[in-house]
C-alpha atoms as a PDB file:
ATOM      1  CA  UNK A   1       3.491  14.255  14.917  1.00  0.00           C
ATOM      2  CA  UNK A   2       3.692  17.738  15.003  1.00  0.00           C
ATOM      3  CA  UNK A   3       7.971  17.498  14.544  1.00  0.00           C
ATOM      4  CA  UNK A   4       7.394  15.314  11.347  1.00  0.00           C
ATOM      5  CA  UNK A   5       5.195  17.790   9.636  1.00  0.00           C
ATOM      6  CA  UNK A   6       7.117  20.704  10.895  1.00  0.00           C
ATOM      7  CA  UNK A   7      10.015  18.938   9.083  1.00  0.00           C
ATOM      8  CA  UNK A   8       8.107  18.217   6.025  1.00  0.00           C
ATOM      9  CA  UNK A   9       7.427  21.824   5.414  1.00  0.00           C
ATOM     10  CA  UNK A  10      10.910  22.530   6.013  1.00  0.00           C
ATOM     11  CA  UNK A  11      12.135  19.825   3.210  1.00  0.00           C
ATOM     12  CA  UNK A  12       9.061  21.171   0.975  1.00  0.00           C
ATOM     13  CA  UNK A  13      10.330  24.725   0.933  1.00  0.00           C
ATOM     14  CA  UNK A  14      13.729  23.419  -0.728  1.00  0.00           C
ATOM     15  CA  UNK A  15      12.472  22.090  -3.726  1.00  0.00           C
ATOM     16  CA  UNK A  16      10.481  23.418  -6.565  1.00  0.00           C
ATOM     17  CA  UNK A  17       8.929  20.385  -7.947  1.00  0.00           C
ATOM     18  CA  UNK A  18       8.112  16.837  -6.626  1.00  0.00           C
ATOM     19  CA  UNK A  19       8.054  13.314  -8.286  1.00  0.00           C
ATOM     20  CA  UNK A  20       5.264  10.912  -5.849  1.00  0.00           C
ATOM     21  CA  UNK A  21       5.830   7.555  -6.339  1.00  0.00           C
ATOM     22  CA  UNK A  22       3.910   4.510  -4.838  1.00  0.00           C
ATOM     23  CA  UNK A  23       4.592   0.749  -5.032  1.00  0.00           C
ATOM     24  CA  UNK A  24       4.258  -1.745  -7.720  1.00  0.00           C
ATOM     25  CA  UNK A  25       0.442  -2.504  -8.075  1.00  0.00           C
ATOM     26  CA  UNK A  26      -0.845   0.228  -6.051  1.00  0.00           C
ATOM     27  CA  UNK A  27      -3.549   0.353  -4.127  1.00  0.00           C
ATOM     28  CA  UNK A  28      -6.191   2.821  -2.698  1.00  0.00           C
ATOM     29  CA  UNK A  29      -3.962   3.832   0.153  1.00  0.00           C
ATOM     30  CA  UNK A  30      -0.788   4.102  -2.109  1.00  0.00           C
ATOM     31  CA  UNK A  31      -3.131   6.172  -4.588  1.00  0.00           C
ATOM     32  CA  UNK A  32      -4.781   8.417  -1.688  1.00  0.00           C
ATOM     33  CA  UNK A  33      -2.105   9.442   0.115  1.00  0.00           C
ATOM     34  CA  UNK A  34       0.410  10.019  -3.008  1.00  0.00           C
ATOM     35  CA  UNK A  35      -3.182  12.220  -4.197  1.00  0.00           C
ATOM     36  CA  UNK A  36      -3.165  13.860  -0.327  1.00  0.00           C
ATOM     37  CA  UNK A  37       0.494  14.822  -0.777  1.00  0.00           C
ATOM     38  CA  UNK A  38      -0.264  16.601  -4.233  1.00  0.00           C
ATOM     39  CA  UNK A  39      -2.791  18.733  -2.656  1.00  0.00           C
ATOM     40  CA  UNK A  40      -0.629  19.641   0.280  1.00  0.00           C
ATOM     41  CA  UNK A  41       2.234  20.566  -1.801  1.00  0.00           C
ATOM     42  CA  UNK A  42       0.245  22.437  -4.264  1.00  0.00           C
ATOM     43  CA  UNK A  43      -0.783  24.472  -0.790  1.00  0.00           C
ATOM     44  CA  UNK A  44       2.819  25.466  -1.020  1.00  0.00           C
ATOM     45  CA  UNK A  45       2.800  26.924  -4.730  1.00  0.00           C
ATOM     46  CA  UNK A  46       5.350  23.648  -5.656  1.00  0.00           C
ATOM     47  CA  UNK A  47       4.608  21.184  -8.552  1.00  0.00           C
ATOM     48  CA  UNK A  48       3.739  18.018  -7.804  1.00  0.00           C
ATOM     49  CA  UNK A  49       3.827  14.974  -9.993  1.00  0.00           C
ATOM     50  CA  UNK A  50       2.341  11.368  -9.625  1.00  0.00           C
ATOM     51  CA  UNK A  51       4.486   8.877 -11.122  1.00  0.00           C
ATOM     52  CA  UNK A  52       2.341   6.208 -12.423  1.00  0.00           C
ATOM     53  CA  UNK A  53       4.276   3.703 -15.016  1.00  0.00           C
ATOM     54  CA  UNK A  54       1.751   3.916 -18.018  1.00  0.00           C
ATOM     55  CA  UNK A  55       3.131   0.363 -19.165  1.00  0.00           C
ATOM     56  CA  UNK A  56       1.484  -1.535 -16.411  1.00  0.00           C
ATOM     57  CA  UNK A  57      -1.642   0.600 -16.422  1.00  0.00           C
ATOM     58  CA  UNK A  58      -3.643  -2.375 -17.986  1.00  0.00           C
ATOM     59  CA  UNK A  59      -2.273  -4.331 -14.875  1.00  0.00           C
ATOM     60  CA  UNK A  60      -3.487  -1.693 -12.339  1.00  0.00           C
ATOM     61  CA  UNK A  61      -7.027  -2.924 -10.433  1.00  0.00           C
ATOM     62  CA  UNK A  62     -10.078  -2.007 -11.507  1.00  0.00           C
ATOM     63  CA  UNK A  63     -10.331   0.534  -8.505  1.00  0.00           C
ATOM     64  CA  UNK A  64      -7.163   2.593  -9.401  1.00  0.00           C
ATOM     65  CA  UNK A  65      -8.774   2.930 -12.781  1.00  0.00           C
ATOM     66  CA  UNK A  66     -12.419   4.027 -11.151  1.00  0.00           C
ATOM     67  CA  UNK A  67     -10.736   6.601  -9.035  1.00  0.00           C
ATOM     68  CA  UNK A  68      -9.040   8.281 -11.332  1.00  0.00           C
ATOM     69  CA  UNK A  69     -12.108   8.391 -13.702  1.00  0.00           C
ATOM     70  CA  UNK A  70     -14.194   9.533 -10.619  1.00  0.00           C
ATOM     71  CA  UNK A  71     -11.253  12.605 -10.303  1.00  0.00           C
ATOM     72  CA  UNK A  72     -12.377  16.258 -11.173  1.00  0.00           C
ATOM     73  CA  UNK A  73      -8.902  17.645 -10.144  1.00  0.00           C
ATOM     74  CA  UNK A  74      -6.298  17.652 -12.587  1.00  0.00           C
ATOM     75  CA  UNK A  75      -3.279  15.460 -11.467  1.00  0.00           C
ATOM     76  CA  UNK A  76      -0.555  15.513 -13.928  1.00  0.00           C
ATOM     77  CA  UNK A  77       1.095  11.822 -13.616  1.00  0.00           C
ATOM     78  CA  UNK A  78       4.369  10.994 -15.812  1.00  0.00           C
ATOM     79  CA  UNK A  79       6.312   8.237 -16.307  1.00  0.00           C
ATOM     80  CA  UNK A  80       9.646   6.755 -17.370  1.00  0.00           C
ATOM     81  CA  UNK A  81      10.114   8.860 -20.103  1.00  0.00           C
ATOM     82  CA  UNK A  82       8.171  12.170 -19.141  1.00  0.00           C
ATOM     83  CA  UNK A  83       9.639  13.054 -16.090  1.00  0.00           C
ATOM     84  CA  UNK A  84      12.627  14.250 -17.831  1.00  0.00           C
ATOM     85  CA  UNK A  85      10.579  17.393 -18.898  1.00  0.00           C
ATOM     86  CA  UNK A  86       9.948  18.319 -15.040  1.00  0.00           C
ATOM     87  CA  UNK A  87      12.109  21.657 -14.161  1.00  0.00           C
ATOM     88  CA  UNK A  88      13.323  22.954 -11.346  1.00  0.00           C
ATOM     89  CA  UNK A  89      15.081  21.502  -8.420  1.00  0.00           C
ATOM     90  CA  UNK A  90      13.466  17.925  -7.593  1.00  0.00           C
ATOM     91  CA  UNK A  91      12.478  15.556  -4.478  1.00  0.00           C
ATOM     92  CA  UNK A  92      11.193  11.934  -4.769  1.00  0.00           C
ATOM     93  CA  UNK A  93       8.721  11.268  -2.271  1.00  0.00           C
ATOM     94  CA  UNK A  94       8.041   7.646  -1.548  1.00  0.00           C
ATOM     95  CA  UNK A  95       4.727   6.915   0.156  1.00  0.00           C
ATOM     96  CA  UNK A  96       3.720   3.494   1.275  1.00  0.00           C
ATOM     97  CA  UNK A  97       7.071   1.570   0.652  1.00  0.00           C
ATOM     98  CA  UNK A  98      10.195   1.601   1.686  1.00  0.00           C
ATOM     99  CA  UNK A  99      11.851  -1.400  -0.144  1.00  0.00           C
ATOM    100  CA  UNK A 100      13.924  -0.457  -3.356  1.00  0.00           C
ATOM    101  CA  UNK A 101      12.528  -3.673  -5.739  1.00  0.00           C
ATOM    102  CA  UNK A 102       8.464  -2.824  -4.414  1.00  0.00           C
ATOM    103  CA  UNK A 103       9.026   1.070  -6.335  1.00  0.00           C
ATOM    104  CA  UNK A 104       7.147   1.651  -9.465  1.00  0.00           C
ATOM    105  CA  UNK A 105      10.518   2.700 -11.231  1.00  0.00           C
ATOM    106  CA  UNK A 106      13.913   2.146  -8.707  1.00  0.00           C
ATOM    107  CA  UNK A 107      15.990   4.200 -11.085  1.00  0.00           C
ATOM    108  CA  UNK A 108      14.796   7.443  -9.592  1.00  0.00           C
ATOM    109  CA  UNK A 109      16.117   6.910  -6.084  1.00  0.00           C
ATOM    110  CA  UNK A 110      19.466   6.989  -7.747  1.00  0.00           C
ATOM    111  CA  UNK A 111      18.877  10.370  -9.539  1.00  0.00           C
ATOM    112  CA  UNK A 112      16.814  12.398  -7.089  1.00  0.00           C
ATOM    113  CA  UNK A 113      17.036  13.523  -3.613  1.00  0.00           C
ATOM    114  CA  UNK A 114      14.805  11.533  -2.082  1.00  0.00           C
ATOM    115  CA  UNK A 115      12.509  10.855   1.299  1.00  0.00           C
ATOM    116  CA  UNK A 116      10.520   8.015   2.129  1.00  0.00           C
ATOM    117  CA  UNK A 117       7.229   7.811   4.166  1.00  0.00           C
ATOM    118  CA  UNK A 118       5.615   4.617   5.482  1.00  0.00           C
ATOM    119  CA  UNK A 119       4.131   2.220   7.916  1.00  0.00           C
ATOM    120  CA  UNK A 120       5.355  -0.913   6.909  1.00  0.00           C
ATOM    121  CA  UNK A 121       8.052  -2.784   9.502  1.00  0.00           C
ATOM    122  CA  UNK A 122      11.492  -1.699   8.050  1.00  0.00           C
ATOM    123  CA  UNK A 123      12.933  -4.336   5.429  1.00  0.00           C
ATOM    124  CA  UNK A 124      16.836  -4.795   5.032  1.00  0.00           C
ATOM    125  CA  UNK A 125      16.019  -3.811   1.664  1.00  0.00           C
ATOM    126  CA  UNK A 126      15.158  -0.209   2.131  1.00  0.00           C
ATOM    127  CA  UNK A 127      16.144   2.836  -0.070  1.00  0.00           C
ATOM    128  CA  UNK A 128      19.546   3.503   1.936  1.00  0.00           C
ATOM    129  CA  UNK A 129      20.320   6.763  -0.287  1.00  0.00           C
ATOM    130  CA  UNK A 130      17.135   8.604   1.013  1.00  0.00           C
ATOM    131  CA  UNK A 131      17.889  11.566   2.753  1.00  0.00           C
ATOM    132  CA  UNK A 132      15.127  11.574   5.494  1.00  0.00           C
ATOM    133  CA  UNK A 133      12.859   8.473   6.195  1.00  0.00           C
ATOM    134  CA  UNK A 134       9.836   7.878   8.415  1.00  0.00           C
ATOM    135  CA  UNK A 135       8.227   4.800   9.305  1.00  0.00           C
ATOM    136  CA  UNK A 136       5.129   4.436  11.849  1.00  0.00           C
ATOM    137  CA  UNK A 137       4.501   0.905  12.077  1.00  0.00           C
ATOM    138  CA  UNK A 138       1.556   2.059  14.525  1.00  0.00           C
ATOM    139  CA  UNK A 139      -0.412   3.894  11.708  1.00  0.00           C
ATOM    140  CA  UNK A 140      -3.223   2.035   9.772  1.00  0.00           C
ATOM    141  CA  UNK A 141      -2.063   3.222   6.454  1.00  0.00           C
ATOM    142  CA  UNK A 142      -0.302   5.902   4.590  1.00  0.00           C
ATOM    143  CA  UNK A 143      -3.942   7.621   3.961  1.00  0.00           C
ATOM    144  CA  UNK A 144      -4.240   8.296   7.811  1.00  0.00           C
ATOM    145  CA  UNK A 145      -1.029  10.040   8.192  1.00  0.00           C
ATOM    146  CA  UNK A 146      -1.655  12.262   4.991  1.00  0.00           C
ATOM    147  CA  UNK A 147      -4.830  13.185   6.539  1.00  0.00           C
ATOM    148  CA  UNK A 148      -3.122  14.041   9.704  1.00  0.00           C
ATOM    149  CA  UNK A 149      -0.775  16.151   7.879  1.00  0.00           C
ATOM    150  CA  UNK A 150      -3.490  18.093   5.767  1.00  0.00           C
ATOM    151  CA  UNK A 151      -5.250  18.801   8.695  1.00  0.00           C
ATOM    152  CA  UNK A 152      -2.000  20.398  10.184  1.00  0.00           C
ATOM    153  CA  UNK A 153      -1.249  22.869   7.060  1.00  0.00           C
ATOM    154  CA  UNK A 154      -4.934  23.560   7.179  1.00  0.00           C
ATOM    155  CA  UNK A 155      -6.172  22.522   3.765  1.00  0.00           C
ATOM    156  CA  UNK A 156      -9.353  21.124   3.081  1.00  0.00           C
ATOM    157  CA  UNK A 157      -8.811  18.129   0.596  1.00  0.00           C
ATOM    158  CA  UNK A 158     -10.543  17.619  -2.393  1.00  0.00           C
ATOM    159  CA  UNK A 159     -13.506  15.613  -1.749  1.00  0.00           C
ATOM    160  CA  UNK A 160     -12.776  12.892  -4.073  1.00  0.00           C
ATOM    161  CA  UNK A 161      -9.264  12.842  -3.244  1.00  0.00           C
ATOM    162  CA  UNK A 162     -10.851  12.700   0.546  1.00  0.00           C
ATOM    163  CA  UNK A 163     -13.067   9.709  -0.073  1.00  0.00           C
ATOM    164  CA  UNK A 164      -9.652   7.865  -1.848  1.00  0.00           C
ATOM    165  CA  UNK A 165      -8.151   8.184   1.143  1.00  0.00           C
ATOM    166  CA  UNK A 166     -10.776   6.960   3.309  1.00  0.00           C
ATOM    167  CA  UNK A 167     -11.042   4.322   0.993  1.00  0.00           C
ATOM    168  CA  UNK A 168      -7.271   3.555   1.508  1.00  0.00           C
ATOM    169  CA  UNK A 169      -7.701   3.640   5.329  1.00  0.00           C
ATOM    170  CA  UNK A 170     -10.769   0.800   5.008  1.00  0.00           C
ATOM    171  CA  UNK A 171      -8.742  -1.372   2.907  1.00  0.00           C
ATOM    172  CA  UNK A 172      -5.485  -1.234   5.113  1.00  0.00           C
ATOM    173  CA  UNK A 173      -7.771  -1.701   8.402  1.00  0.00           C
ATOM    174  CA  UNK A 174      -9.712  -4.692   6.537  1.00  0.00           C
ATOM    175  CA  UNK A 175     -12.769  -2.403   7.351  1.00  0.00           C
ATOM    176  CA  UNK A 176     -11.157  -1.279  10.672  1.00  0.00           C
ATOM    177  CA  UNK A 177     -10.693  -4.243  12.160  1.00  0.00           C
ATOM    178  CA  UNK A 178      -7.146  -4.312  12.039  1.00  0.00           C
ATOM    179  CA  UNK A 179      -4.429  -2.164  13.125  1.00  0.00           C
ATOM    180  CA  UNK A 180      -7.348   0.496  14.109  1.00  0.00           C
ATOM    181  CA  UNK A 181      -6.865   3.021  17.014  1.00  0.00           C
ATOM    182  CA  UNK A 182      -9.208   6.335  17.966  1.00  0.00           C
ATOM    183  CA  UNK A 183      -6.638   8.415  15.297  1.00  0.00           C
ATOM    184  CA  UNK A 184      -7.946   5.874  13.005  1.00  0.00           C
ATOM    185  CA  UNK A 185     -11.234   6.761  13.419  1.00  0.00           C
ATOM    186  CA  UNK A 186     -10.630  10.505  13.717  1.00  0.00           C
ATOM    187  CA  UNK A 187      -8.592  10.532  10.662  1.00  0.00           C
ATOM    188  CA  UNK A 188     -11.828   8.743   8.918  1.00  0.00           C
ATOM    189  CA  UNK A 189     -13.904  11.546  10.718  1.00  0.00           C
ATOM    190  CA  UNK A 190     -11.479  14.501   9.374  1.00  0.00           C
ATOM    191  CA  UNK A 191     -11.867  12.749   5.799  1.00  0.00           C
ATOM    192  CA  UNK A 192     -15.563  13.271   6.394  1.00  0.00           C
ATOM    193  CA  UNK A 193     -15.731  16.636   7.241  1.00  0.00           C
ATOM    194  CA  UNK A 194     -13.711  17.558   4.242  1.00  0.00           C
ATOM    195  CA  UNK A 195     -16.711  16.209   2.001  1.00  0.00           C
ATOM    196  CA  UNK A 196     -15.610  12.510   1.768  1.00  0.00           C
ATOM    197  CA  UNK A 197     -18.240  10.586   0.041  1.00  0.00           C
ATOM    198  CA  UNK A 198     -19.316   7.039   1.633  1.00  0.00           C
ATOM    199  CA  UNK A 199     -21.484   6.214  -1.492  1.00  0.00           C
ATOM    200  CA  UNK A 200     -18.292   7.243  -3.798  1.00  0.00           C
ATOM    201  CA  UNK A 201     -16.500   4.745  -1.438  1.00  0.00           C
ATOM    202  CA  UNK A 202     -18.614   1.875  -1.508  1.00  0.00           C
ATOM    203  CA  UNK A 203     -18.155   2.512  -5.824  1.00  0.00           C
ATOM    204  CA  UNK A 204     -14.761   2.398  -5.460  1.00  0.00           C
ATOM    205  CA  UNK A 205     -14.430  -0.834  -3.017  1.00  0.00           C
ATOM    206  CA  UNK A 206     -16.939  -2.542  -5.234  1.00  0.00           C
ATOM    207  CA  UNK A 207     -15.489  -5.555  -7.455  1.00  0.00           C
ATOM    208  CA  UNK A 208     -16.747  -7.418 -10.343  1.00  0.00           C
ATOM    209  CA  UNK A 209     -18.837 -10.375  -9.818  1.00  0.00           C
ATOM    210  CA  UNK A 210     -16.303 -12.833 -12.032  1.00  0.00           C
ATOM    211  CA  UNK A 211     -13.692 -11.340  -9.451  1.00  0.00           C
ATOM    212  CA  UNK A 212     -15.698 -12.389  -6.428  1.00  0.00           C
ATOM    213  CA  UNK A 213     -16.628 -15.829  -7.923  1.00  0.00           C
ATOM    214  CA  UNK A 214     -12.561 -16.419  -8.277  1.00  0.00           C
ATOM    215  CA  UNK A 215     -11.697 -15.546  -5.142  1.00  0.00           C
ATOM    216  CA  UNK A 216     -14.307 -17.475  -3.641  1.00  0.00           C
ATOM    217  CA  UNK A 217     -12.958 -20.739  -5.624  1.00  0.00           C
ATOM    218  CA  UNK A 218      -9.374 -20.327  -4.118  1.00  0.00           C
ATOM    219  CA  UNK A 219     -10.648 -19.801  -0.866  1.00  0.00           C
ATOM    220  CA  UNK A 220     -12.762 -22.967  -0.878  1.00  0.00           C
ATOM    221  CA  UNK A 221     -10.077 -24.870  -1.789  1.00  0.00           C
ATOM    222  CA  UNK A 222      -7.530 -23.347   1.082  1.00  0.00           C
ATOM    223  CA  UNK A 223      -6.274 -25.658   3.753  1.00  0.00           C
ATOM    224  CA  UNK A 224      -5.513 -25.356   7.364  1.00  0.00           C
ATOM    225  CA  UNK A 225      -1.645 -25.698   8.354  1.00  0.00           C
ATOM    226  CA  UNK A 226      -2.565 -26.005  12.052  1.00  0.00           C
ATOM    227  CA  UNK A 227      -5.874 -25.134  14.067  1.00  0.00           C
ATOM    228  CA  UNK A 228      -5.307 -21.706  13.510  1.00  0.00           C
ATOM    229  CA  UNK A 229      -3.606 -20.586  10.533  1.00  0.00           C
ATOM    230  CA  UNK A 230      -4.799 -21.173   6.890  1.00  0.00           C
ATOM    231  CA  UNK A 231      -2.706 -21.133   3.528  1.00  0.00           C
ATOM    232  CA  UNK A 232      -4.218 -20.472   0.155  1.00  0.00           C
ATOM    233  CA  UNK A 233      -2.420 -21.119  -2.923  1.00  0.00           C
ATOM    234  CA  UNK A 234      -3.685 -19.302  -6.162  1.00  0.00           C
ATOM    235  CA  UNK A 235      -2.951 -21.420  -9.327  1.00  0.00           C
ATOM    236  CA  UNK A 236      -3.203 -18.730 -11.953  1.00  0.00           C
ATOM    237  CA  UNK A 237      -1.312 -15.566 -12.400  1.00  0.00           C
ATOM    238  CA  UNK A 238      -1.933 -12.843  -9.926  1.00  0.00           C
ATOM    239  CA  UNK A 239      -1.079  -9.597  -8.266  1.00  0.00           C
ATOM    240  CA  UNK A 240      -0.177  -8.568  -4.696  1.00  0.00           C
ATOM    241  CA  UNK A 241      -3.922  -6.677  -4.581  1.00  0.00           C
ATOM    242  CA  UNK A 242      -5.805 -10.342  -5.123  1.00  0.00           C
ATOM    243  CA  UNK A 243      -3.540 -12.492  -2.695  1.00  0.00           C
ATOM    244  CA  UNK A 244      -3.928  -9.639  -0.013  1.00  0.00           C
ATOM    245  CA  UNK A 245      -7.825  -9.680  -0.475  1.00  0.00           C
ATOM    246  CA  UNK A 246      -7.992 -13.615  -0.249  1.00  0.00           C
ATOM    247  CA  UNK A 247      -5.748 -13.310   2.691  1.00  0.00           C
ATOM    248  CA  UNK A 248      -7.986 -10.709   4.429  1.00  0.00           C
ATOM    249  CA  UNK A 249     -11.263 -12.638   3.476  1.00  0.00           C
ATOM    250  CA  UNK A 250     -10.041 -16.090   5.263  1.00  0.00           C
ATOM    251  CA  UNK A 251      -9.839 -14.149   8.637  1.00  0.00           C
ATOM    252  CA  UNK A 252     -13.256 -13.475   8.575  1.00  0.00           C
ATOM    253  CA  UNK A 253     -13.829 -17.460   9.030  1.00  0.00           C
ATOM    254  CA  UNK A 254     -14.389 -18.758  12.599  1.00  0.00           C
ATOM    255  CA  UNK A 255     -10.980 -20.206  14.122  1.00  0.00           C
ATOM    256  CA  UNK A 256      -8.884 -18.620  11.774  1.00  0.00           C
ATOM    257  CA  UNK A 257      -6.210 -16.400  13.231  1.00  0.00           C
ATOM    258  CA  UNK A 258      -3.795 -16.019  10.742  1.00  0.00           C
ATOM    259  CA  UNK A 259      -3.504 -16.845   6.828  1.00  0.00           C
ATOM    260  CA  UNK A 260      -1.001 -17.011   3.884  1.00  0.00           C
ATOM    261  CA  UNK A 261      -1.591 -17.012   0.427  1.00  0.00           C
ATOM    262  CA  UNK A 262       0.552 -17.861  -2.460  1.00  0.00           C
ATOM    263  CA  UNK A 263       0.599 -17.135  -5.813  1.00  0.00           C
ATOM    264  CA  UNK A 264       2.498 -16.405  -9.061  1.00  0.00           C
ATOM    265  CA  UNK A 265       3.713 -13.068 -10.017  1.00  0.00           C
ATOM    266  CA  UNK A 266       5.350 -14.121 -13.497  1.00  0.00           C
ATOM    267  CA  UNK A 267       7.642 -16.925 -14.602  1.00  0.00           C
ATOM    268  CA  UNK A 268      10.246 -15.705 -12.204  1.00  0.00           C
ATOM    269  CA  UNK A 269       8.472 -14.679  -9.105  1.00  0.00           C
ATOM    270  CA  UNK A 270       6.249 -16.163  -6.340  1.00  0.00           C
ATOM    271  CA  UNK A 271       4.391 -13.694  -4.467  1.00  0.00           C
ATOM    272  CA  UNK A 272       3.074 -14.706  -0.855  1.00  0.00           C
ATOM    273  CA  UNK A 273       0.698 -12.281   1.413  1.00  0.00           C
ATOM    274  CA  UNK A 274       0.153 -13.020   4.946  1.00  0.00           C
ATOM    275  CA  UNK A 275      -2.365 -11.388   7.364  1.00  0.00           C
ATOM    276  CA  UNK A 276      -3.092 -12.076  11.310  1.00  0.00           C
ATOM    277  CA  UNK A 277      -5.703 -10.688  13.522  1.00  0.00           C
ATOM    278  CA  UNK A 278      -3.142  -9.776  16.052  1.00  0.00           C
ATOM    279  CA  UNK A 279      -2.131 -12.577  18.178  1.00  0.00           C
ATOM    280  CA  UNK A 280       0.022 -14.059  15.651  1.00  0.00           C
ATOM    281  CA  UNK A 281       3.181 -12.710  14.381  1.00  0.00           C
ATOM    282  CA  UNK A 282       3.031 -13.078  10.466  1.00  0.00           C
ATOM    283  CA  UNK A 283       5.817 -10.923   9.672  1.00  0.00           C
ATOM    284  CA  UNK A 284       8.624 -13.317  11.527  1.00  0.00           C
ATOM    285  CA  UNK A 285       7.959 -15.907   9.086  1.00  0.00           C
ATOM    286  CA  UNK A 286       7.708 -13.201   5.960  1.00  0.00           C
ATOM    287  CA  UNK A 287      10.861 -11.843   7.034  1.00  0.00           C
ATOM    288  CA  UNK A 288      12.680 -14.954   6.831  1.00  0.00           C
ATOM    289  CA  UNK A 289      11.813 -15.478   3.048  1.00  0.00           C
ATOM    290  CA  UNK A 290      12.714 -12.115   2.096  1.00  0.00           C
ATOM    291  CA  UNK A 291       9.731  -9.727   2.826  1.00  0.00           C
ATOM    292  CA  UNK A 292       8.666  -7.473   5.248  1.00  0.00           C
ATOM    293  CA  UNK A 293       5.537  -5.727   7.029  1.00  0.00           C
ATOM    294  CA  UNK A 294       3.861  -5.406  10.183  1.00  0.00           C
ATOM    295  CA  UNK A 295       3.167  -8.288  12.650  1.00  0.00           C
ATOM    296  CA  UNK A 296      -0.761  -8.402  11.086  1.00  0.00           C
ATOM    297  CA  UNK A 297       0.346  -7.390   7.902  1.00  0.00           C
ATOM    298  CA  UNK A 298       2.967  -8.996   5.547  1.00  0.00           C
ATOM    299  CA  UNK A 299       4.106  -9.672   2.079  1.00  0.00           C
ATOM    300  CA  UNK A 300       6.970 -11.192   0.315  1.00  0.00           C
ATOM    301  CA  UNK A 301       7.925 -11.551  -3.456  1.00  0.00           C
ATOM    302  CA  UNK A 302      10.805 -14.908  -3.463  1.00  0.00           C
ATOM    303  CA  UNK A 303      12.505 -14.906  -7.242  1.00  0.00           C
ATOM    304  CA  UNK A 304      13.803 -18.415  -8.524  1.00  0.00           C
ATOM    305  CA  UNK A 305      11.505 -20.942  -6.464  1.00  0.00           C
ATOM    306  CA  UNK A 306       8.585 -22.676  -7.579  1.00  0.00           C
ATOM    307  CA  UNK A 307       4.885 -22.336  -5.160  1.00  0.00           C
ATOM    308  CA  UNK A 308       5.540 -25.881  -4.218  1.00  0.00           C
ATOM    309  CA  UNK A 309       8.911 -24.485  -2.709  1.00  0.00           C
ATOM    310  CA  UNK A 310       7.632 -21.575  -1.194  1.00  0.00           C
ATOM    311  CA  UNK A 311       4.495 -23.435   0.615  1.00  0.00           C
ATOM    312  CA  UNK A 312       6.717 -26.044   2.202  1.00  0.00           C
ATOM    313  CA  UNK A 313       9.235 -23.355   3.212  1.00  0.00           C
ATOM    314  CA  UNK A 314       6.358 -21.383   4.756  1.00  0.00           C
ATOM    315  CA  UNK A 315       4.720 -24.258   6.689  1.00  0.00           C
ATOM    316  CA  UNK A 316       8.291 -25.831   7.656  1.00  0.00           C
ATOM    317  CA  UNK A 317       8.762 -22.297   9.388  1.00  0.00           C
ATOM    318  CA  UNK A 318       5.366 -22.222  11.122  1.00  0.00           C
ATOM    319  CA  UNK A 319       5.901 -25.805  12.250  1.00  0.00           C
ATOM    320  CA  UNK A 320       9.120 -24.690  13.790  1.00  0.00           C
ATOM    321  CA  UNK A 321       7.807 -21.769  15.558  1.00  0.00           C
ATOM    322  CA  UNK A 322       5.027 -24.446  17.184  1.00  0.00           C
END
């Protein structure tokens, strides 16, 4: 990774200001990697800004809002109006996503020089105008990569940011159970040495009782497609985080090696989240309905189809593989 970090250092030196953008429905990995990049860029004497669309703030999950409430360090956020006030030569850094239609505000890739840092399997709908793309599917999370980068440039991250990064790793590995290597534990150890707080991490990962009960009701009504693959239908307006949480929880049950969760994001978009313990390649199915990700962690947003149509399309693809 040393060559990557040398390349990033060289790129950073070319610009004055930086807009850091993650994916829609940000999670703690997207947020943590964005915040970590902010601190790294500041160590170069440059100006970083995080793009968060304030039109969607009320839709962000409680973990994101709580993370910002715990922040003592000043982080400047911009939206689709205020980014226009940023001065100097600007670079857009996209983290934890590479698909254009999954960005918070896709228009920025047509305005600024862009680089992409991600850990998901490359999709056909990647940001083709990017001047530099780095995708490493062996990483557990972007939080893991940014931890390595912070260590490389020899900075100690803010305690709360280190905690958010640690929570991001925990979420993306489903509690260090998926896509976890010795390097993942090394990153977690580094964050603890930087001052990550395990109690605060647990607070960030907490959920409300109502959310838990709702998720449990959907899990109760899930069904088996075959002897080791479960499917769950969420019959209410949802977001990608909710679907992912259900997909991951299904994997904790006996005999389930893979899961597919389908829900409605809005009137025109059906969301799908898929998870696997590793033996089953869920991305091979998800990629055929227009999504992408890892073999053990993939998602899709399908337009102009009903939940029923997406459900039977996935079941058909799985049965054909069998």
